[in-house]
PDB file of all heavy atoms in Angstrom:
ATOM      1  N   SER A   1      94.761  69.198  89.875  1.00  0.00           N
ATOM      2  CA  SER A   1      95.410  69.844  88.728  1.00  0.00           C
ATOM      3  C   SER A   1      94.467  70.836  88.056  1.00  0.00           C
ATOM      4  O   SER A   1      94.908  71.881  87.571  1.00  0.00           O
ATOM      5  CB  SER A   1      95.886  68.799  87.727  1.00  0.00           C
ATOM      6  OG  SER A   1      94.804  68.055  87.225  1.00  0.00           O
ATOM      7  N   GLN A   2      93.190  70.526  88.068  1.00  0.00           N
ATOM      8  CA  GLN A   2      92.215  71.451  87.468  1.00  0.00           C
ATOM      9  C   GLN A   2      92.133  72.744  88.282  1.00  0.00           C
ATOM     10  O   GLN A   2      92.070  73.836  87.714  1.00  0.00           O
ATOM     11  CB  GLN A   2      90.839  70.791  87.384  1.00  0.00           C
ATOM     12  CG  GLN A   2      89.826  71.621  86.630  1.00  0.00           C
ATOM     13  CD  GLN A   2      88.501  70.895  86.454  1.00  0.00           C
ATOM     14  OE1 GLN A   2      88.253  69.863  87.064  1.00  0.00           O
ATOM     15  NE2 GLN A   2      87.651  71.430  85.598  1.00  0.00           N
ATOM     16  N   GLU A   3      92.137  72.644  89.605  1.00  0.00           N
ATOM     17  CA  GLU A   3      92.116  73.834  90.462  1.00  0.00           C
ATOM     18  C   GLU A   3      93.395  74.651  90.263  1.00  0.00           C
ATOM     19  O   GLU A   3      93.329  75.887  90.162  1.00  0.00           O
ATOM     20  CB  GLU A   3      91.980  73.424  91.926  1.00  0.00           C
ATOM     21  CG  GLU A   3      90.618  72.838  92.279  1.00  0.00           C
ATOM     22  CD  GLU A   3      90.591  72.211  93.665  1.00  0.00           C
ATOM     23  OE1 GLU A   3      91.646  71.718  94.135  1.00  0.00           O
ATOM     24  OE2 GLU A   3      89.506  72.193  94.255  1.00  0.00           O
ATOM     25  N   ALA A   4      94.526  73.976  90.179  1.00  0.00           N
ATOM     26  CA  ALA A   4      95.795  74.679  89.958  1.00  0.00           C
ATOM     27  C   ALA A   4      95.786  75.388  88.611  1.00  0.00           C
ATOM     28  O   ALA A   4      96.242  76.538  88.505  1.00  0.00           O
ATOM     29  CB  ALA A   4      96.958  73.690  90.041  1.00  0.00           C
ATOM     30  N   SER A   5      95.263  74.733  87.604  1.00  0.00           N
ATOM     31  CA  SER A   5      95.191  75.331  86.272  1.00  0.00           C
ATOM     32  C   SER A   5      94.323  76.584  86.278  1.00  0.00           C
ATOM     33  O   SER A   5      94.669  77.597  85.660  1.00  0.00           O
ATOM     34  CB  SER A   5      94.633  74.314  85.282  1.00  0.00           C
ATOM     35  OG  SER A   5      94.587  74.847  83.991  1.00  0.00           O
ATOM     36  N   LYS A   6      93.204  76.541  86.996  1.00  0.00           N
ATOM     37  CA  LYS A   6      92.317  77.701  87.092  1.00  0.00           C
ATOM     38  C   LYS A   6      93.008  78.848  87.828  1.00  0.00           C
ATOM     39  O   LYS A   6      92.877  80.012  87.433  1.00  0.00           O
ATOM     40  CB  LYS A   6      91.017  77.337  87.801  1.00  0.00           C
ATOM     41  CG  LYS A   6      90.069  76.532  86.946  1.00  0.00           C
ATOM     42  CD  LYS A   6      88.791  76.228  87.688  1.00  0.00           C
ATOM     43  CE  LYS A   6      87.865  75.370  86.850  1.00  0.00           C
ATOM     44  NZ  LYS A   6      86.609  75.054  87.550  1.00  0.00           N
ATOM     45  N   LEU A   7      93.745  78.539  88.893  1.00  0.00           N
ATOM     46  CA  LEU A   7      94.471  79.574  89.626  1.00  0.00           C
ATOM     47  C   LEU A   7      95.542  80.217  88.765  1.00  0.00           C
ATOM     48  O   LEU A   7      95.725  81.444  88.783  1.00  0.00           O
ATOM     49  CB  LEU A   7      95.098  78.992  90.892  1.00  0.00           C
ATOM     50  CG  LEU A   7      94.153  78.730  92.050  1.00  0.00           C
ATOM     51  CD1 LEU A   7      94.880  77.988  93.175  1.00  0.00           C
ATOM     52  CD2 LEU A   7      93.585  80.037  92.576  1.00  0.00           C
ATOM     53  N   ILE A   8      96.255  79.401  87.996  1.00  0.00           N
ATOM     54  CA  ILE A   8      97.291  79.936  87.104  1.00  0.00           C
ATOM     55  C   ILE A   8      96.665  80.826  86.045  1.00  0.00           C
ATOM     56  O   ILE A   8      97.156  81.921  85.765  1.00  0.00           O
ATOM     57  CB  ILE A   8      98.113  78.795  86.471  1.00  0.00           C
ATOM     58  CG1 ILE A   8      98.966  78.135  87.550  1.00  0.00           C
ATOM     59  CG2 ILE A   8      98.955  79.300  85.313  1.00  0.00           C
ATOM     60  CD1 ILE A   8      99.609  76.840  87.119  1.00  0.00           C
ATOM     61  N   ALA A   9      95.559  80.381  85.460  1.00  0.00           N
ATOM     62  CA  ALA A   9      94.871  81.180  84.450  1.00  0.00           C
ATOM     63  C   ALA A   9      94.409  82.515  85.031  1.00  0.00           C
ATOM     64  O   ALA A   9      94.529  83.571  84.384  1.00  0.00           O
ATOM     65  CB  ALA A   9      93.680  80.412  83.868  1.00  0.00           C
ATOM     66  N   SER A  10      93.928  82.497  86.249  1.00  0.00           N
ATOM     67  CA  SER A  10      93.494  83.719  86.914  1.00  0.00           C
ATOM     68  C   SER A  10      94.684  84.653  87.167  1.00  0.00           C
ATOM     69  O   SER A  10      94.590  85.870  86.954  1.00  0.00           O
ATOM     70  CB  SER A  10      92.805  83.370  88.230  1.00  0.00           C
ATOM     71  OG  SER A  10      92.467  84.526  88.941  1.00  0.00           O
ATOM     72  N   ALA A  11      95.799  84.081  87.591  1.00  0.00           N
ATOM     73  CA  ALA A  11      96.998  84.885  87.836  1.00  0.00           C
ATOM     74  C   ALA A  11      97.508  85.521  86.535  1.00  0.00           C
ATOM     75  O   ALA A  11      97.910  86.684  86.519  1.00  0.00           O
ATOM     76  CB  ALA A  11      98.086  84.028  88.474  1.00  0.00           C
ATOM     77  N   ILE A  12      97.457  84.769  85.447  1.00  0.00           N
ATOM     78  CA  ILE A  12      97.894  85.287  84.145  1.00  0.00           C
ATOM     79  C   ILE A  12      96.989  86.438  83.709  1.00  0.00           C
ATOM     80  O   ILE A  12      97.465  87.464  83.217  1.00  0.00           O
ATOM     81  CB  ILE A  12      97.928  84.162  83.090  1.00  0.00           C
ATOM     82  CG1 ILE A  12      99.039  83.170  83.409  1.00  0.00           C
ATOM     83  CG2 ILE A  12      98.063  84.707  81.681  1.00  0.00           C
ATOM     84  CD1 ILE A  12     100.445  83.734  83.368  1.00  0.00           C
ATOM     85  N   GLU A  13      95.688  86.300  83.893  1.00  0.00           N
ATOM     86  CA  GLU A  13      94.759  87.382  83.541  1.00  0.00           C
ATOM     87  C   GLU A  13      95.027  88.628  84.378  1.00  0.00           C
ATOM     88  O   GLU A  13      95.001  89.752  83.865  1.00  0.00           O
ATOM     89  CB  GLU A  13      93.308  86.925  83.695  1.00  0.00           C
ATOM     90  CG  GLU A  13      92.862  85.962  82.630  1.00  0.00           C
ATOM     91  CD  GLU A  13      93.044  86.522  81.220  1.00  0.00           C
ATOM     92  OE1 GLU A  13      92.668  87.680  80.956  1.00  0.00           O
ATOM     93  OE2 GLU A  13      93.570  85.785  80.374  1.00  0.00           O
ATOM     94  N   THR A  14      95.307  88.440  85.669  1.00  0.00           N
ATOM     95  CA  THR A  14      95.622  89.572  86.540  1.00  0.00           C
ATOM     96  C   THR A  14      96.917  90.243  86.075  1.00  0.00           C
ATOM     97  O   THR A  14      97.002  91.477  86.023  1.00  0.00           O
ATOM     98  CB  THR A  14      95.753  89.108  88.005  1.00  0.00           C
ATOM     99  OG1 THR A  14      94.506  88.551  88.416  1.00  0.00           O
ATOM    100  CG2 THR A  14      96.105  90.262  88.921  1.00  0.00           C
ATOM    101  N   LEU A  15      97.910  89.457  85.735  1.00  0.00           N
ATOM    102  CA  LEU A  15      99.177  90.003  85.254  1.00  0.00           C
ATOM    103  C   LEU A  15      98.984  90.781  83.964  1.00  0.00           C
ATOM    104  O   LEU A  15      99.590  91.835  83.767  1.00  0.00           O
ATOM    105  CB  LEU A  15     100.193  88.879  85.071  1.00  0.00           C
ATOM    106  CG  LEU A  15     101.621  89.296  84.754  1.00  0.00           C
ATOM    107  CD1 LEU A  15     102.178  90.245  85.813  1.00  0.00           C
ATOM    108  CD2 LEU A  15     102.507  88.072  84.619  1.00  0.00           C
ATOM    109  N   LYS A  16      98.114  90.301  83.078  1.00  0.00           N
ATOM    110  CA  LYS A  16      97.807  91.036  81.843  1.00  0.00           C
ATOM    111  C   LYS A  16      97.187  92.394  82.167  1.00  0.00           C
ATOM    112  O   LYS A  16      97.538  93.408  81.547  1.00  0.00           O
ATOM    113  CB  LYS A  16      96.838  90.240  80.971  1.00  0.00           C
ATOM    114  CG  LYS A  16      97.457  89.073  80.269  1.00  0.00           C
ATOM    115  CD  LYS A  16      96.385  88.335  79.445  1.00  0.00           C
ATOM    116  CE  LYS A  16      96.927  87.077  78.825  1.00  0.00           C
ATOM    117  NZ  LYS A  16      95.882  86.340  78.095  1.00  0.00           N
ATOM    118  N   MET A  17      96.274  92.421  83.135  1.00  0.00           N
ATOM    119  CA  MET A  17      95.640  93.686  83.516  1.00  0.00           C
ATOM    120  C   MET A  17      96.664  94.665  84.091  1.00  0.00           C
ATOM    121  O   MET A  17      96.630  95.865  83.779  1.00  0.00           O
ATOM    122  CB  MET A  17      94.508  93.446  84.506  1.00  0.00           C
ATOM    123  CG  MET A  17      93.303  92.779  83.884  1.00  0.00           C
ATOM    124  SD  MET A  17      91.853  92.676  84.973  1.00  0.00           S
ATOM    125  CE  MET A  17      92.458  91.640  86.288  1.00  0.00           C
ATOM    126  N   VAL A  18      97.567  94.163  84.919  1.00  0.00           N
ATOM    127  CA  VAL A  18      98.608  95.018  85.502  1.00  0.00           C
ATOM    128  C   VAL A  18      99.514  95.560  84.397  1.00  0.00           C
ATOM    129  O   VAL A  18      99.809  96.761  84.353  1.00  0.00           O
ATOM    130  CB  VAL A  18      99.427  94.247  86.552  1.00  0.00           C
ATOM    131  CG1 VAL A  18     100.658  95.029  86.981  1.00  0.00           C
ATOM    132  CG2 VAL A  18      98.567  93.907  87.759  1.00  0.00           C
ATOM    133  N   ARG A  19      99.949  94.677  83.482  1.00  0.00           N
ATOM    134  CA  ARG A  19     100.801  95.109  82.361  1.00  0.00           C
ATOM    135  C   ARG A  19     100.105  96.188  81.537  1.00  0.00           C
ATOM    136  O   ARG A  19     100.690  97.222  81.211  1.00  0.00           O
ATOM    137  CB  ARG A  19     101.118  93.910  81.469  1.00  0.00           C
ATOM    138  CG  ARG A  19     101.970  94.285  80.264  1.00  0.00           C
ATOM    139  CD  ARG A  19     101.769  93.384  79.083  1.00  0.00           C
ATOM    140  NE  ARG A  19     100.359  93.260  78.725  1.00  0.00           N
ATOM    141  CZ  ARG A  19      99.865  92.290  77.977  1.00  0.00           C
ATOM    142  NH1 ARG A  19     100.644  91.329  77.522  1.00  0.00           N
ATOM    143  NH2 ARG A  19      98.587  92.241  77.686  1.00  0.00           N
ATOM    144  N   ASP A  20      98.838  95.966  81.220  1.00  0.00           N
ATOM    145  CA  ASP A  20      98.090  96.935  80.414  1.00  0.00           C
ATOM    146  C   ASP A  20      97.919  98.260  81.128  1.00  0.00           C
ATOM    147  O   ASP A  20      98.047  99.325  80.524  1.00  0.00           O
ATOM    148  CB  ASP A  20      96.739  96.361  80.021  1.00  0.00           C
ATOM    149  CG  ASP A  20      96.849  95.183  79.059  1.00  0.00           C
ATOM    150  OD1 ASP A  20      97.949  94.961  78.505  1.00  0.00           O
ATOM    151  OD2 ASP A  20      95.837  94.473  78.889  1.00  0.00           O
ATOM    152  N   GLU A  21      97.648  98.216  82.420  1.00  0.00           N
ATOM    153  CA  GLU A  21      97.484  99.449  83.193  1.00  0.00           C
ATOM    154  C   GLU A  21      98.807 100.225  83.274  1.00  0.00           C
ATOM    155  O   GLU A  21      98.823 101.443  83.119  1.00  0.00           O
ATOM    156  CB  GLU A  21      96.972  99.152  84.609  1.00  0.00           C
ATOM    157  CG  GLU A  21      96.801 100.368  85.483  1.00  0.00           C
ATOM    158  CD  GLU A  21      95.821 101.403  84.940  1.00  0.00           C
ATOM    159  OE1 GLU A  21      94.871 101.025  84.226  1.00  0.00           O
ATOM    160  OE2 GLU A  21      96.016 102.603  85.222  1.00  0.00           O
ATOM    161  N   LEU A  22      99.897  99.520  83.503  1.00  0.00           N
ATOM    162  CA  LEU A  22     101.189 100.181  83.509  1.00  0.00           C
ATOM    163  C   LEU A  22     101.480 100.805  82.150  1.00  0.00           C
ATOM    164  O   LEU A  22     101.963 101.944  82.067  1.00  0.00           O
ATOM    165  CB  LEU A  22     102.303  99.199  83.886  1.00  0.00           C
ATOM    166  CG  LEU A  22     102.382  98.793  85.345  1.00  0.00           C
ATOM    167  CD1 LEU A  22     103.332  97.614  85.513  1.00  0.00           C
ATOM    168  CD2 LEU A  22     102.801  99.957  86.213  1.00  0.00           C
ATOM    169  N   GLY A  23     101.193 100.081  81.082  1.00  0.00           N
ATOM    170  CA  GLY A  23     101.397 100.617  79.735  1.00  0.00           C
ATOM    171  C   GLY A  23     100.577 101.862  79.491  1.00  0.00           C
ATOM    172  O   GLY A  23     101.075 102.838  78.923  1.00  0.00           O
ATOM    173  N   THR A  24      99.345 101.847  79.940  1.00  0.00           N
ATOM    174  CA  THR A  24      98.476 103.018  79.787  1.00  0.00           C
ATOM    175  C   THR A  24      99.037 104.212  80.547  1.00  0.00           C
ATOM    176  O   THR A  24      99.093 105.322  80.018  1.00  0.00           O
ATOM    177  CB  THR A  24      97.044 102.692  80.290  1.00  0.00           C
ATOM    178  OG1 THR A  24      96.524 101.629  79.501  1.00  0.00           O
ATOM    179  CG2 THR A  24      96.136 103.902  80.200  1.00  0.00           C
ATOM    180  N   GLN A  25      99.464 103.992  81.769  1.00  0.00           N
ATOM    181  CA  GLN A  25     100.019 105.078  82.573  1.00  0.00           C
ATOM    182  C   GLN A  25     101.311 105.617  81.972  1.00  0.00           C
ATOM    183  O   GLN A  25     101.533 106.826  81.939  1.00  0.00           O
ATOM    184  CB  GLN A  25     100.263 104.616  84.001  1.00  0.00           C
ATOM    185  CG  GLN A  25      99.001 104.432  84.794  1.00  0.00           C
ATOM    186  CD  GLN A  25      99.280 104.023  86.225  1.00  0.00           C
ATOM    187  OE1 GLN A  25     100.358 104.244  86.758  1.00  0.00           O
ATOM    188  NE2 GLN A  25      98.304 103.402  86.850  1.00  0.00           N
ATOM    189  N   LEU A  26     102.145 104.719  81.473  1.00  0.00           N
ATOM    190  CA  LEU A  26     103.405 105.156  80.895  1.00  0.00           C
ATOM    191  C   LEU A  26     103.198 105.926  79.597  1.00  0.00           C
ATOM    192  O   LEU A  26     103.950 106.858  79.300  1.00  0.00           O
ATOM    193  CB  LEU A  26     104.322 103.953  80.637  1.00  0.00           C
ATOM    194  CG  LEU A  26     104.902 103.308  81.897  1.00  0.00           C
ATOM    195  CD1 LEU A  26     105.523 101.958  81.556  1.00  0.00           C
ATOM    196  CD2 LEU A  26     105.924 104.216  82.563  1.00  0.00           C
ATOM    197  N   CYS A  27     102.178 105.571  78.825  1.00  0.00           N
ATOM    198  CA  CYS A  27     101.941 106.223  77.543  1.00  0.00           C
ATOM    199  C   CYS A  27     101.080 107.484  77.663  1.00  0.00           C
ATOM    200  O   CYS A  27     100.943 108.217  76.698  1.00  0.00           O
ATOM    201  CB  CYS A  27     101.270 105.250  76.579  1.00  0.00           C
ATOM    202  SG  CYS A  27     102.369 103.928  76.067  1.00  0.00           S
ATOM    203  N   SER A  28     100.515 107.717  78.827  1.00  0.00           N
ATOM    204  CA  SER A  28      99.597 108.853  78.975  1.00  0.00           C
ATOM    205  C   SER A  28     100.315 110.193  78.860  1.00  0.00           C
ATOM    206  O   SER A  28      99.705 111.196  78.567  1.00  0.00           O
ATOM    207  CB  SER A  28      98.854 108.773  80.308  1.00  0.00           C
ATOM    208  OG  SER A  28      99.750 108.962  81.393  1.00  0.00           O
TER     209      SER A  28
END
């Protein structure tokens, strides 16, 4: 469960980066 939790946290951080990058590109 600890490994799964770390993977989920990593996926969430990656999704945040993608969202932010898309937002930056759309607002540019």
